Amino acid sequence: MFPDGRPGIGLALVRVALAVATLVEADAAGRALALPWLLPAVAAVAIALGLGLLAPIASVLALLASGAALRRADGLDAWICALAMLNALALFLLGPGAYSLDARIYGRRLVVMQDDDEP
C-alpha cells in the first residue's frame, strides 16, 4: 500500500506535480470567476497532496477541481486540466507512497486471513 524506493519517490513526484497543477488551475479559475475564496480552499488541498495527508480524499478533490476548471478551459489549458485529472486518478488508484504523512500515520500493515476451519 505504501511502496518505497524508486516507486515511492515517483509517487511523491506525482503528488507534488498534481499539487502545483491544481494550484495553477485554481489561480486561473479564481481570477476568471472572481472567487476570492477559491485559491485558499484549493491551496489546502494542494498542501495535503504535497505532504501526502489524506491523499485519496485530496486526490478526489483535485480531480473535481480540475474537472471544474476543464469546463472553462480551452486550448492548452484544457490539456493541462486533462493531464491533472489523469494524475489525480492515478494517485487515487496507487496511493500516496511510503514518503507521505499517510504512511507515517497509518503505517504499513499486513493483513493475514485465516480459515475458521483450521485449528
PDB file of N, CA and C in Angstrom:
ATOM      1  N   MET A   1       0.812  -1.186   0.000  1.00  0.00           N
ATOM      2  CA  MET A   1       0.000   0.000   0.000  1.00  0.00           C
ATOM      3  C   MET A   1       0.860   1.256   0.000  1.00  0.00           C
ATOM      4  N   PHE A   2       2.003   1.207   0.645  1.00  0.00           N
ATOM      5  CA  PHE A   2       2.899   2.356   0.686  1.00  0.00           C
ATOM      6  C   PHE A   2       4.250   1.941   0.104  1.00  0.00           C
ATOM      7  N   PRO A   3       4.380   1.904  -1.224  1.00  0.00           N
ATOM      8  CA  PRO A   3       5.647   1.477  -1.806  1.00  0.00           C
ATOM      9  C   PRO A   3       6.765   2.466  -1.495  1.00  0.00           C
ATOM     10  N   ASP A   4       7.976   1.907  -1.274  1.00  0.00           N
ATOM     11  CA  ASP A   4       9.120   2.763  -1.010  1.00  0.00           C
ATOM     12  C   ASP A   4      10.129   2.626  -2.146  1.00  0.00           C
ATOM     13  N   GLY A   5      11.300   3.171  -1.978  1.00  0.00           N
ATOM     14  CA  GLY A   5      12.315   3.114  -3.027  1.00  0.00           C
ATOM     15  C   GLY A   5      11.933   3.996  -4.202  1.00  0.00           C
ATOM     16  N   ARG A   6      12.296   3.549  -5.394  1.00  0.00           N
ATOM     17  CA  ARG A   6      12.001   4.343  -6.597  1.00  0.00           C
ATOM     18  C   ARG A   6      10.512   4.544  -6.829  1.00  0.00           C
ATOM     19  N   PRO A   7       9.647   3.521  -6.627  1.00  0.00           N
ATOM     20  CA  PRO A   7       8.213   3.775  -6.782  1.00  0.00           C
ATOM     21  C   PRO A   7       7.684   4.807  -5.790  1.00  0.00           C
ATOM     22  N   GLY A   8       8.190   4.790  -4.571  1.00  0.00           N
ATOM     23  CA  GLY A   8       7.764   5.769  -3.573  1.00  0.00           C
ATOM     24  C   GLY A   8       8.179   7.178  -3.943  1.00  0.00           C
ATOM     25  N   ILE A   9       9.394   7.309  -4.483  1.00  0.00           N
ATOM     26  CA  ILE A   9       9.856   8.622  -4.937  1.00  0.00           C
ATOM     27  C   ILE A   9       9.009   9.086  -6.120  1.00  0.00           C
ATOM     28  N   GLY A  10       8.678   8.166  -7.014  1.00  0.00           N
ATOM     29  CA  GLY A  10       7.816   8.504  -8.149  1.00  0.00           C
ATOM     30  C   GLY A  10       6.449   8.987  -7.704  1.00  0.00           C
ATOM     31  N   LEU A  11       5.872   8.334  -6.708  1.00  0.00           N
ATOM     32  CA  LEU A  11       4.575   8.769  -6.197  1.00  0.00           C
ATOM     33  C   LEU A  11       4.674  10.128  -5.511  1.00  0.00           C
ATOM     34  N   ALA A  12       5.780  10.387  -4.828  1.00  0.00           N
ATOM     35  CA  ALA A  12       5.977  11.707  -4.219  1.00  0.00           C
ATOM     36  C   ALA A  12       6.049  12.785  -5.298  1.00  0.00           C
ATOM     37  N   LEU A  13       6.731  12.493  -6.398  1.00  0.00           N
ATOM     38  CA  LEU A  13       6.807  13.451  -7.503  1.00  0.00           C
ATOM     39  C   LEU A  13       5.441  13.677  -8.141  1.00  0.00           C
ATOM     40  N   VAL A  14       4.648  12.618  -8.286  1.00  0.00           N
ATOM     41  CA  VAL A  14       3.293  12.767  -8.833  1.00  0.00           C
ATOM     42  C   VAL A  14       2.447  13.635  -7.906  1.00  0.00           C
ATOM     43  N   ARG A  15       2.583  13.429  -6.593  1.00  0.00           N
ATOM     44  CA  ARG A  15       1.821  14.250  -5.635  1.00  0.00           C
ATOM     45  C   ARG A  15       2.181  15.724  -5.763  1.00  0.00           C
ATOM     46  N   VAL A  16       3.477  16.018  -5.843  1.00  0.00           N
ATOM     47  CA  VAL A  16       3.915  17.414  -5.939  1.00  0.00           C
ATOM     48  C   VAL A  16       3.478  18.026  -7.270  1.00  0.00           C
ATOM     49  N   ALA A  17       3.628  17.290  -8.372  1.00  0.00           N
ATOM     50  CA  ALA A  17       3.211  17.804  -9.678  1.00  0.00           C
ATOM     51  C   ALA A  17       1.709  18.076  -9.711  1.00  0.00           C
ATOM     52  N   LEU A  18       0.934  17.191  -9.118  1.00  0.00           N
ATOM     53  CA  LEU A  18      -0.509  17.390  -9.075  1.00  0.00           C
ATOM     54  C   LEU A  18      -0.868  18.587  -8.205  1.00  0.00           C
ATOM     55  N   ALA A  19      -0.157  18.762  -7.096  1.00  0.00           N
ATOM     56  CA  ALA A  19      -0.415  19.912  -6.230  1.00  0.00           C
ATOM     57  C   ALA A  19      -0.145  21.221  -6.957  1.00  0.00           C
ATOM     58  N   VAL A  20       0.958  21.298  -7.688  1.00  0.00           N
ATOM     59  CA  VAL A  20       1.295  22.517  -8.431  1.00  0.00           C
ATOM     60  C   VAL A  20       0.280  22.769  -9.540  1.00  0.00           C
ATOM     61  N   ALA A  21      -0.073  21.727 -10.292  1.00  0.00           N
ATOM     62  CA  ALA A  21      -1.048  21.894 -11.371  1.00  0.00           C
ATOM     63  C   ALA A  21      -2.403  22.332 -10.829  1.00  0.00           C
ATOM     64  N   THR A  22      -2.804  21.783  -9.703  1.00  0.00           N
ATOM     65  CA  THR A  22      -4.087  22.159  -9.102  1.00  0.00           C
ATOM     66  C   THR A  22      -4.069  23.619  -8.652  1.00  0.00           C
ATOM     67  N   LEU A  23      -2.956  24.066  -8.083  1.00  0.00           N
ATOM     68  CA  LEU A  23      -2.840  25.465  -7.676  1.00  0.00           C
ATOM     69  C   LEU A  23      -2.894  26.408  -8.878  1.00  0.00           C
ATOM     70  N   VAL A  24      -2.201  26.058  -9.948  1.00  0.00           N
ATOM     71  CA  VAL A  24      -2.203  26.900 -11.144  1.00  0.00           C
ATOM     72  C   VAL A  24      -3.600  26.991 -11.736  1.00  0.00           C
ATOM     73  N   GLU A  25      -4.291  25.862 -11.820  1.00  0.00           N
ATOM     74  CA  GLU A  25      -5.658  25.866 -12.338  1.00  0.00           C
ATOM     75  C   GLU A  25      -6.584  26.691 -11.456  1.00  0.00           C
ATOM     76  N   ALA A  26      -6.459  26.545 -10.146  1.00  0.00           N
ATOM     77  CA  ALA A  26      -7.329  27.277  -9.222  1.00  0.00           C
ATOM     78  C   ALA A  26      -7.076  28.771  -9.290  1.00  0.00           C
ATOM     79  N   ASP A  27      -5.818  29.165  -9.461  1.00  0.00           N
ATOM     80  CA  ASP A  27      -5.495  30.579  -9.570  1.00  0.00           C
ATOM     81  C   ASP A  27      -6.141  31.172 -10.824  1.00  0.00           C
ATOM     82  N   ALA A  28      -6.014  30.473 -11.943  1.00  0.00           N
ATOM     83  CA  ALA A  28      -6.613  30.959 -13.183  1.00  0.00           C
ATOM     84  C   ALA A  28      -8.134  30.979 -13.088  1.00  0.00           C
ATOM     85  N   ALA A  29      -8.713  29.926 -12.526  1.00  0.00           N
ATOM     86  CA  ALA A  29     -10.169  29.862 -12.412  1.00  0.00           C
ATOM     87  C   ALA A  29     -10.682  30.906 -11.419  1.00  0.00           C
ATOM     88  N   GLY A  30      -9.962  31.119 -10.332  1.00  0.00           N
ATOM     89  CA  GLY A  30     -10.380  32.111  -9.343  1.00  0.00           C
ATOM     90  C   GLY A  30     -10.378  33.512  -9.905  1.00  0.00           C
ATOM     91  N   ARG A  31      -9.382  33.820 -10.745  1.00  0.00           N
ATOM     92  CA  ARG A  31      -9.358  35.141 -11.384  1.00  0.00           C
ATOM     93  C   ARG A  31     -10.470  35.288 -12.405  1.00  0.00           C
ATOM     94  N   ALA A  32     -10.705  34.227 -13.193  1.00  0.00           N
ATOM     95  CA  ALA A  32     -11.734  34.300 -14.233  1.00  0.00           C
ATOM     96  C   ALA A  32     -13.134  34.409 -13.641  1.00  0.00           C
ATOM     97  N   LEU A  33     -13.363  33.723 -12.531  1.00  0.00           N
ATOM     98  CA  LEU A  33     -14.703  33.707 -11.936  1.00  0.00           C
ATOM     99  C   LEU A  33     -14.865  34.732 -10.825  1.00  0.00           C
ATOM    100  N   ALA A  34     -13.795  35.434 -10.476  1.00  0.00           N
ATOM    101  CA  ALA A  34     -13.811  36.423  -9.383  1.00  0.00           C
ATOM    102  C   ALA A  34     -14.289  35.791  -8.071  1.00  0.00           C
ATOM    103  N   LEU A  35     -13.688  34.650  -7.744  1.00  0.00           N
ATOM    104  CA  LEU A  35     -13.996  33.957  -6.494  1.00  0.00           C
ATOM    105  C   LEU A  35     -12.770  34.016  -5.591  1.00  0.00           C
ATOM    106  N   PRO A  36     -12.722  34.940  -4.642  1.00  0.00           N
ATOM    107  CA  PRO A  36     -11.525  35.078  -3.816  1.00  0.00           C
ATOM    108  C   PRO A  36     -11.286  33.909  -2.864  1.00  0.00           C
ATOM    109  N   TRP A  37     -12.291  33.149  -2.546  1.00  0.00           N
ATOM    110  CA  TRP A  37     -12.150  32.032  -1.605  1.00  0.00           C
ATOM    111  C   TRP A  37     -11.615  30.776  -2.285  1.00  0.00           C
ATOM    112  N   LEU A  38     -11.615  30.745  -3.619  1.00  0.00           N
ATOM    113  CA  LEU A  38     -11.256  29.514  -4.328  1.00  0.00           C
ATOM    114  C   LEU A  38      -9.790  29.139  -4.135  1.00  0.00           C
ATOM    115  N   LEU A  39      -8.889  30.103  -4.253  1.00  0.00           N
ATOM    116  CA  LEU A  39      -7.471  29.787  -4.147  1.00  0.00           C
ATOM    117  C   LEU A  39      -7.082  29.279  -2.754  1.00  0.00           C
ATOM    118  N   PRO A  40      -7.534  29.887  -1.661  1.00  0.00           N
ATOM    119  CA  PRO A  40      -7.188  29.314  -0.342  1.00  0.00           C
ATOM    120  C   PRO A  40      -7.749  27.914  -0.126  1.00  0.00           C
ATOM    121  N   ALA A  41      -8.949  27.660  -0.643  1.00  0.00           N
ATOM    122  CA  ALA A  41      -9.537  26.322  -0.478  1.00  0.00           C
ATOM    123  C   ALA A  41      -8.738  25.280  -1.246  1.00  0.00           C
ATOM    124  N   VAL A  42      -8.363  25.610  -2.469  1.00  0.00           N
ATOM    125  CA  VAL A  42      -7.592  24.660  -3.268  1.00  0.00           C
ATOM    126  C   VAL A  42      -6.157  24.569  -2.753  1.00  0.00           C
ATOM    127  N   ALA A  43      -5.643  25.655  -2.166  1.00  0.00           N
ATOM    128  CA  ALA A  43      -4.299  25.612  -1.590  1.00  0.00           C
ATOM    129  C   ALA A  43      -4.238  24.599  -0.451  1.00  0.00           C
ATOM    130  N   ALA A  44      -5.300  24.494   0.329  1.00  0.00           N
ATOM    131  CA  ALA A  44      -5.341  23.495   1.401  1.00  0.00           C
ATOM    132  C   ALA A  44      -5.288  22.082   0.824  1.00  0.00           C
ATOM    133  N   VAL A  45      -5.997  21.863  -0.268  1.00  0.00           N
ATOM    134  CA  VAL A  45      -5.965  20.552  -0.935  1.00  0.00           C
ATOM    135  C   VAL A  45      -4.572  20.291  -1.506  1.00  0.00           C
ATOM    136  N   ALA A  46      -3.959  21.316  -2.094  1.00  0.00           N
ATOM    137  CA  ALA A  46      -2.624  21.154  -2.683  1.00  0.00           C
ATOM    138  C   ALA A  46      -1.583  20.851  -1.608  1.00  0.00           C
ATOM    139  N   ILE A  47      -1.695  21.483  -0.454  1.00  0.00           N
ATOM    140  CA  ILE A  47      -0.763  21.201   0.643  1.00  0.00           C
ATOM    141  C   ILE A  47      -0.944  19.764   1.121  1.00  0.00           C
ATOM    142  N   ALA A  48      -2.199  19.323   1.240  1.00  0.00           N
ATOM    143  CA  ALA A  48      -2.458  17.937   1.641  1.00  0.00           C
ATOM    144  C   ALA A  48      -1.886  16.964   0.612  1.00  0.00           C
ATOM    145  N   LEU A  49      -2.016  17.298  -0.667  1.00  0.00           N
ATOM    146  CA  LEU A  49      -1.452  16.440  -1.710  1.00  0.00           C
ATOM    147  C   LEU A  49       0.068  16.394  -1.612  1.00  0.00           C
ATOM    148  N   GLY A  50       0.681  17.551  -1.472  1.00  0.00           N
ATOM    149  CA  GLY A  50       2.131  17.604  -1.420  1.00  0.00           C
ATOM    150  C   GLY A  50       2.710  16.826  -0.249  1.00  0.00           C
ATOM    151  N   LEU A  51       2.045  16.896   0.890  1.00  0.00           N
ATOM    152  CA  LEU A  51       2.509  16.187   2.082  1.00  0.00           C
ATOM    153  C   LEU A  51       2.046  14.739   2.128  1.00  0.00           C
ATOM    154  N   GLY A  52       1.074  14.385   1.304  1.00  0.00           N
ATOM    155  CA  GLY A  52       0.537  13.034   1.335  1.00  0.00           C
ATOM    156  C   GLY A  52      -0.394  12.809   2.507  1.00  0.00           C
ATOM    157  N   LEU A  53      -1.118  13.835   2.904  1.00  0.00           N
ATOM    158  CA  LEU A  53      -2.059  13.745   4.022  1.00  0.00           C
ATOM    159  C   LEU A  53      -3.458  13.509   3.471  1.00  0.00           C
ATOM    160  N   LEU A  54      -4.069  12.402   3.873  1.00  0.00           N
ATOM    161  CA  LEU A  54      -5.391  12.008   3.354  1.00  0.00           C
ATOM    162  C   LEU A  54      -5.393  12.054   1.834  1.00  0.00           C
ATOM    163  N   ALA A  55      -4.390  11.432   1.254  1.00  0.00           N
ATOM    164  CA  ALA A  55      -4.146  11.507  -0.188  1.00  0.00           C
ATOM    165  C   ALA A  55      -5.319  11.031  -1.046  1.00  0.00           C
ATOM    166  N   PRO A  56      -6.029   9.950  -0.702  1.00  0.00           N
ATOM    167  CA  PRO A  56      -7.155   9.563  -1.555  1.00  0.00           C
ATOM    168  C   PRO A  56      -8.245  10.635  -1.608  1.00  0.00           C
ATOM    169  N   ILE A  57      -8.536  11.241  -0.468  1.00  0.00           N
ATOM    170  CA  ILE A  57      -9.559  12.284  -0.427  1.00  0.00           C
ATOM    171  C   ILE A  57      -9.067  13.525  -1.170  1.00  0.00           C
ATOM    172  N   ALA A  58      -7.817  13.911  -0.929  1.00  0.00           N
ATOM    173  CA  ALA A  58      -7.262  15.090  -1.596  1.00  0.00           C
ATOM    174  C   ALA A  58      -7.181  14.890  -3.103  1.00  0.00           C
ATOM    175  N   SER A  59      -6.880  13.672  -3.549  1.00  0.00           N
ATOM    176  CA  SER A  59      -6.802  13.431  -4.993  1.00  0.00           C
ATOM    177  C   SER A  59      -8.182  13.489  -5.637  1.00  0.00           C
ATOM    178  N   VAL A  60      -9.207  13.045  -4.945  1.00  0.00           N
ATOM    179  CA  VAL A  60     -10.568  13.167  -5.480  1.00  0.00           C
ATOM    180  C   VAL A  60     -10.975  14.643  -5.551  1.00  0.00           C
ATOM    181  N   LEU A  61     -10.626  15.418  -4.531  1.00  0.00           N
ATOM    182  CA  LEU A  61     -10.927  16.850  -4.561  1.00  0.00           C
ATOM    183  C   LEU A  61     -10.161  17.548  -5.679  1.00  0.00           C
ATOM    184  N   ALA A  62      -8.912  17.157  -5.908  1.00  0.00           N
ATOM    185  CA  ALA A  62      -8.135  17.721  -7.017  1.00  0.00           C
ATOM    186  C   ALA A  62      -8.739  17.319  -8.354  1.00  0.00           C
ATOM    187  N   LEU A  63      -9.234  16.087  -8.440  1.00  0.00           N
ATOM    188  CA  LEU A  63      -9.899  15.633  -9.664  1.00  0.00           C
ATOM    189  C   LEU A  63     -11.141  16.470  -9.940  1.00  0.00           C
ATOM    190  N   LEU A  64     -11.929  16.743  -8.911  1.00  0.00           N
ATOM    191  CA  LEU A  64     -13.126  17.573  -9.079  1.00  0.00           C
ATOM    192  C   LEU A  64     -12.768  19.007  -9.441  1.00  0.00           C
ATOM    193  N   ALA A  65     -11.723  19.550  -8.816  1.00  0.00           N
ATOM    194  CA  ALA A  65     -11.295  20.921  -9.133  1.00  0.00           C
ATOM    195  C   ALA A  65     -10.797  21.013 -10.565  1.00  0.00           C
ATOM    196  N   SER A  66     -10.046  20.008 -11.009  1.00  0.00           N
ATOM    197  CA  SER A  66      -9.555  20.009 -12.386  1.00  0.00           C
ATOM    198  C   SER A  66     -10.700  19.848 -13.378  1.00  0.00           C
ATOM    199  N   GLY A  67     -11.686  19.042 -13.014  1.00  0.00           N
ATOM    200  CA  GLY A  67     -12.862  18.887 -13.872  1.00  0.00           C
ATOM    201  C   GLY A  67     -13.646  20.180 -13.992  1.00  0.00           C
ATOM    202  N   ALA A  68     -13.766  20.911 -12.883  1.00  0.00           N
ATOM    203  CA  ALA A  68     -14.458  22.199 -12.933  1.00  0.00           C
ATOM    204  C   ALA A  68     -13.661  23.199 -13.762  1.00  0.00           C
ATOM    205  N   ALA A  69     -12.336  23.184 -13.631  1.00  0.00           N
ATOM    206  CA  ALA A  69     -11.503  24.090 -14.428  1.00  0.00           C
ATOM    207  C   ALA A  69     -11.543  23.714 -15.899  1.00  0.00           C
ATOM    208  N   LEU A  70     -11.678  22.434 -16.192  1.00  0.00           N
ATOM    209  CA  LEU A  70     -11.739  21.978 -17.580  1.00  0.00           C
ATOM    210  C   LEU A  70     -12.959  22.526 -18.304  1.00  0.00           C
ATOM    211  N   ARG A  71     -14.041  22.710 -17.580  1.00  0.00           N
ATOM    212  CA  ARG A  71     -15.264  23.245 -18.197  1.00  0.00           C
ATOM    213  C   ARG A  71     -15.061  24.661 -18.725  1.00  0.00           C
ATOM    214  N   ARG A  72     -14.169  25.421 -18.101  1.00  0.00           N
ATOM    215  CA  ARG A  72     -13.913  26.809 -18.510  1.00  0.00           C
ATOM    216  C   ARG A  72     -12.675  26.957 -19.384  1.00  0.00           C
ATOM    217  N   ALA A  73     -11.881  25.895 -19.522  1.00  0.00           N
ATOM    218  CA  ALA A  73     -10.594  25.986 -20.219  1.00  0.00           C
ATOM    219  C   ALA A  73     -10.762  25.730 -21.715  1.00  0.00           C
ATOM    220  N   ASP A  74      -9.767  26.213 -22.460  1.00  0.00           N
ATOM    221  CA  ASP A  74      -9.705  25.921 -23.887  1.00  0.00           C
ATOM    222  C   ASP A  74      -8.241  25.849 -24.303  1.00  0.00           C
ATOM    223  N   GLY A  75      -7.994  25.204 -25.404  1.00  0.00           N
ATOM    224  CA  GLY A  75      -6.637  25.100 -25.928  1.00  0.00           C
ATOM    225  C   GLY A  75      -5.700  24.341 -25.012  1.00  0.00           C
ATOM    226  N   LEU A  76      -4.537  24.935 -24.772  1.00  0.00           N
ATOM    227  CA  LEU A  76      -3.513  24.298 -23.950  1.00  0.00           C
ATOM    228  C   LEU A  76      -3.969  24.130 -22.507  1.00  0.00           C
ATOM    229  N   ASP A  77      -4.746  25.072 -22.002  1.00  0.00           N
ATOM    230  CA  ASP A  77      -5.257  24.952 -20.627  1.00  0.00           C
ATOM    231  C   ASP A  77      -6.127  23.718 -20.457  1.00  0.00           C
ATOM    232  N   ALA A  78      -6.882  23.377 -21.478  1.00  0.00           N
ATOM    233  CA  ALA A  78      -7.722  22.179 -21.410  1.00  0.00           C
ATOM    234  C   ALA A  78      -6.862  20.920 -21.313  1.00  0.00           C
ATOM    235  N   TRP A  79      -5.747  20.905 -22.036  1.00  0.00           N
ATOM    236  CA  TRP A  79      -4.848  19.760 -21.962  1.00  0.00           C
ATOM    237  C   TRP A  79      -4.217  19.645 -20.582  1.00  0.00           C
ATOM    238  N   ILE A  80      -3.850  20.774 -20.006  1.00  0.00           N
ATOM    239  CA  ILE A  80      -3.258  20.764 -18.664  1.00  0.00           C
ATOM    240  C   ILE A  80      -4.266  20.244 -17.645  1.00  0.00           C
ATOM    241  N   CYS A  81      -5.510  20.686 -17.780  1.00  0.00           N
ATOM    242  CA  CYS A  81      -6.568  20.200 -16.873  1.00  0.00           C
ATOM    243  C   CYS A  81      -6.778  18.703 -17.034  1.00  0.00           C
ATOM    244  N   ALA A  82      -6.787  18.240 -18.275  1.00  0.00           N
ATOM    245  CA  ALA A  82      -6.992  16.815 -18.526  1.00  0.00           C
ATOM    246  C   ALA A  82      -5.846  15.982 -17.955  1.00  0.00           C
ATOM    247  N   LEU A  83      -4.617  16.452 -18.123  1.00  0.00           N
ATOM    248  CA  LEU A  83      -3.471  15.722 -17.561  1.00  0.00           C
ATOM    249  C   LEU A  83      -3.488  15.737 -16.040  1.00  0.00           C
ATOM    250  N   ALA A  84      -3.907  16.848 -15.441  1.00  0.00           N
ATOM    251  CA  ALA A  84      -4.027  16.898 -13.985  1.00  0.00           C
ATOM    252  C   ALA A  84      -5.092  15.922 -13.504  1.00  0.00           C
ATOM    253  N   MET A  85      -6.164  15.791 -14.260  1.00  0.00           N
ATOM    254  CA  MET A  85      -7.212  14.828 -13.893  1.00  0.00           C
ATOM    255  C   MET A  85      -6.672  13.404 -13.953  1.00  0.00           C
ATOM    256  N   LEU A  86      -5.873  13.100 -14.976  1.00  0.00           N
ATOM    257  CA  LEU A  86      -5.277  11.762 -15.069  1.00  0.00           C
ATOM    258  C   LEU A  86      -4.310  11.503 -13.908  1.00  0.00           C
ATOM    259  N   ASN A  87      -3.513  12.517 -13.542  1.00  0.00           N
ATOM    260  CA  ASN A  87      -2.614  12.365 -12.401  1.00  0.00           C
ATOM    261  C   ASN A  87      -3.391  12.151 -11.106  1.00  0.00           C
ATOM    262  N   ALA A  88      -4.483  12.879 -10.932  1.00  0.00           N
ATOM    263  CA  ALA A  88      -5.300  12.717  -9.726  1.00  0.00           C
ATOM    264  C   ALA A  88      -5.903  11.317  -9.660  1.00  0.00           C
ATOM    265  N   LEU A  89      -6.366  10.818 -10.798  1.00  0.00           N
ATOM    266  CA  LEU A  89      -6.926   9.470 -10.832  1.00  0.00           C
ATOM    267  C   LEU A  89      -5.849   8.426 -10.537  1.00  0.00           C
ATOM    268  N   ALA A  90      -4.668   8.608 -11.109  1.00  0.00           N
ATOM    269  CA  ALA A  90      -3.572   7.668 -10.852  1.00  0.00           C
ATOM    270  C   ALA A  90      -3.177   7.677  -9.379  1.00  0.00           C
ATOM    271  N   LEU A  91      -3.111   8.860  -8.788  1.00  0.00           N
ATOM    272  CA  LEU A  91      -2.759   8.950  -7.374  1.00  0.00           C
ATOM    273  C   LEU A  91      -3.827   8.312  -6.496  1.00  0.00           C
ATOM    274  N   PHE A  92      -5.078   8.496  -6.857  1.00  0.00           N
ATOM    275  CA  PHE A  92      -6.158   7.853  -6.109  1.00  0.00           C
ATOM    276  C   PHE A  92      -6.029   6.334  -6.159  1.00  0.00           C
ATOM    277  N   LEU A  93      -5.720   5.802  -7.337  1.00  0.00           N
ATOM    278  CA  LEU A  93      -5.638   4.355  -7.506  1.00  0.00           C
ATOM    279  C   LEU A  93      -4.374   3.754  -6.887  1.00  0.00           C
ATOM    280  N   LEU A  94      -3.255   4.478  -6.926  1.00  0.00           N
ATOM    281  CA  LEU A  94      -1.980   3.935  -6.456  1.00  0.00           C
ATOM    282  C   LEU A  94      -1.714   4.182  -4.976  1.00  0.00           C
ATOM    283  N   GLY A  95      -2.253   5.249  -4.432  1.00  0.00           N
ATOM    284  CA  GLY A  95      -1.985   5.588  -3.041  1.00  0.00           C
ATOM    285  C   GLY A  95      -0.842   6.575  -2.932  1.00  0.00           C
ATOM    286  N   PRO A  96      -0.578   7.062  -1.736  1.00  0.00           N
ATOM    287  CA  PRO A  96       0.383   8.145  -1.563  1.00  0.00           C
ATOM    288  C   PRO A  96       1.856   7.736  -1.571  1.00  0.00           C
ATOM    289  N   GLY A  97       2.168   6.492  -1.305  1.00  0.00           N
ATOM    290  CA  GLY A  97       3.560   6.058  -1.250  1.00  0.00           C
ATOM    291  C   GLY A  97       4.120   6.124   0.166  1.00  0.00           C
ATOM    292  N   ALA A  98       5.309   5.583   0.329  1.00  0.00           N
ATOM    293  CA  ALA A  98       5.927   5.488   1.662  1.00  0.00           C
ATOM    294  C   ALA A  98       6.410   6.828   2.185  1.00  0.00           C
ATOM    295  N   TYR A  99       6.671   7.771   1.282  1.00  0.00           N
ATOM    296  CA  TYR A  99       7.198   9.068   1.691  1.00  0.00           C
ATOM    297  C   TYR A  99       6.054  10.073   1.792  1.00  0.00           C
ATOM    298  N   SER A 100       5.121   9.793   2.683  1.00  0.00           N
ATOM    299  CA  SER A 100       3.937  10.632   2.859  1.00  0.00           C
ATOM    300  C   SER A 100       3.536  10.613   4.330  1.00  0.00           C
ATOM    301  N   LEU A 101       2.712  11.564   4.694  1.00  0.00           N
ATOM    302  CA  LEU A 101       2.198  11.578   6.067  1.00  0.00           C
ATOM    303  C   LEU A 101       1.239  10.419   6.305  1.00  0.00           C
ATOM    304  N   ASP A 102       0.514  10.016   5.277  1.00  0.00           N
ATOM    305  CA  ASP A 102      -0.377   8.864   5.431  1.00  0.00           C
ATOM    306  C   ASP A 102       0.399   7.620   5.842  1.00  0.00           C
ATOM    307  N   ALA A 103       1.565   7.413   5.245  1.00  0.00           N
ATOM    308  CA  ALA A 103       2.387   6.249   5.599  1.00  0.00           C
ATOM    309  C   ALA A 103       2.884   6.354   7.038  1.00  0.00           C
ATOM    310  N   ARG A 104       3.215   7.570   7.470  1.00  0.00           N
ATOM    311  CA  ARG A 104       3.675   7.771   8.845  1.00  0.00           C
ATOM    312  C   ARG A 104       2.543   7.574   9.842  1.00  0.00           C
ATOM    313  N   ILE A 105       1.362   8.069   9.500  1.00  0.00           N
ATOM    314  CA  ILE A 105       0.223   7.986  10.424  1.00  0.00           C
ATOM    315  C   ILE A 105      -0.334   6.564  10.489  1.00  0.00           C
ATOM    316  N   TYR A 106      -0.581   5.971   9.324  1.00  0.00           N
ATOM    317  CA  TYR A 106      -1.256   4.676   9.286  1.00  0.00           C
ATOM    318  C   TYR A 106      -0.290   3.508   9.232  1.00  0.00           C
ATOM    319  N   GLY A 107       0.927   3.732   8.779  1.00  0.00           N
ATOM    320  CA  GLY A 107       1.946   2.688   8.756  1.00  0.00           C
ATOM    321  C   GLY A 107       1.639   1.577   7.775  1.00  0.00           C
ATOM    322  N   ARG A 108       2.620   0.706   7.636  1.00  0.00           N
ATOM    323  CA  ARG A 108       2.447  -0.459   6.770  1.00  0.00           C
ATOM    324  C   ARG A 108       1.882  -1.585   7.607  1.00  0.00           C
ATOM    325  N   ARG A 109       0.878  -2.207   7.082  1.00  0.00           N
ATOM    326  CA  ARG A 109       0.257  -3.319   7.794  1.00  0.00           C
ATOM    327  C   ARG A 109       0.069  -4.480   6.833  1.00  0.00           C
ATOM    328  N   LEU A 110       0.184  -5.665   7.354  1.00  0.00           N
ATOM    329  CA  LEU A 110      -0.059  -6.872   6.586  1.00  0.00           C
ATOM    330  C   LEU A 110      -1.238  -7.582   7.219  1.00  0.00           C
ATOM    331  N   VAL A 111      -2.280  -7.774   6.445  1.00  0.00           N
ATOM    332  CA  VAL A 111      -3.466  -8.458   6.940  1.00  0.00           C
ATOM    333  C   VAL A 111      -3.391  -9.908   6.485  1.00  0.00           C
ATOM    334  N   VAL A 112      -3.418 -10.825   7.441  1.00  0.00           N
ATOM    335  CA  VAL A 112      -3.350 -12.249   7.144  1.00  0.00           C
ATOM    336  C   VAL A 112      -4.723 -12.839   7.436  1.00  0.00           C
ATOM    337  N   MET A 113      -5.320 -13.390   6.409  1.00  0.00           N
ATOM    338  CA  MET A 113      -6.642 -14.011   6.560  1.00  0.00           C
ATOM    339  C   MET A 113      -6.441 -15.452   7.007  1.00  0.00           C
ATOM    340  N   GLN A 114      -7.278 -15.885   7.939  1.00  0.00           N
ATOM    341  CA  GLN A 114      -7.128 -17.221   8.495  1.00  0.00           C
ATOM    342  C   GLN A 114      -8.456 -17.959   8.306  1.00  0.00           C
ATOM    343  N   ASP A 115      -8.335 -19.240   7.943  1.00  0.00           N
ATOM    344  CA  ASP A 115      -9.536 -20.081   7.814  1.00  0.00           C
ATOM    345  C   ASP A 115     -10.071 -20.409   9.197  1.00  0.00           C
ATOM    346  N   ASP A 116     -11.398 -20.374   9.335  1.00  0.00           N
ATOM    347  CA  ASP A 116     -12.000 -20.740  10.602  1.00  0.00           C
ATOM    348  C   ASP A 116     -11.971 -22.240  10.833  1.00  0.00           C
ATOM    349  N   ASP A 117     -11.794 -23.026   9.757  1.00  0.00           N
ATOM    350  CA  ASP A 117     -11.800 -24.479   9.856  1.00  0.00           C
ATOM    351  C   ASP A 117     -10.487 -25.025  10.436  1.00  0.00           C
ATOM    352  N   GLU A 118      -9.413 -24.274  10.304  1.00  0.00           N
ATOM    353  CA  GLU A 118      -8.118 -24.757  10.803  1.00  0.00           C
ATOM    354  C   GLU A 118      -8.032 -24.568  12.313  1.00  0.00           C
ATOM    355  N   PRO A 119      -7.413 -25.549  13.001  1.00  0.00           N
ATOM    356  CA  PRO A 119      -7.304 -25.451  14.474  1.00  0.00           C
ATOM    357  C   PRO A 119      -6.331 -24.397  14.919  1.00  0.00           C
TER     358      PRO A 119
END
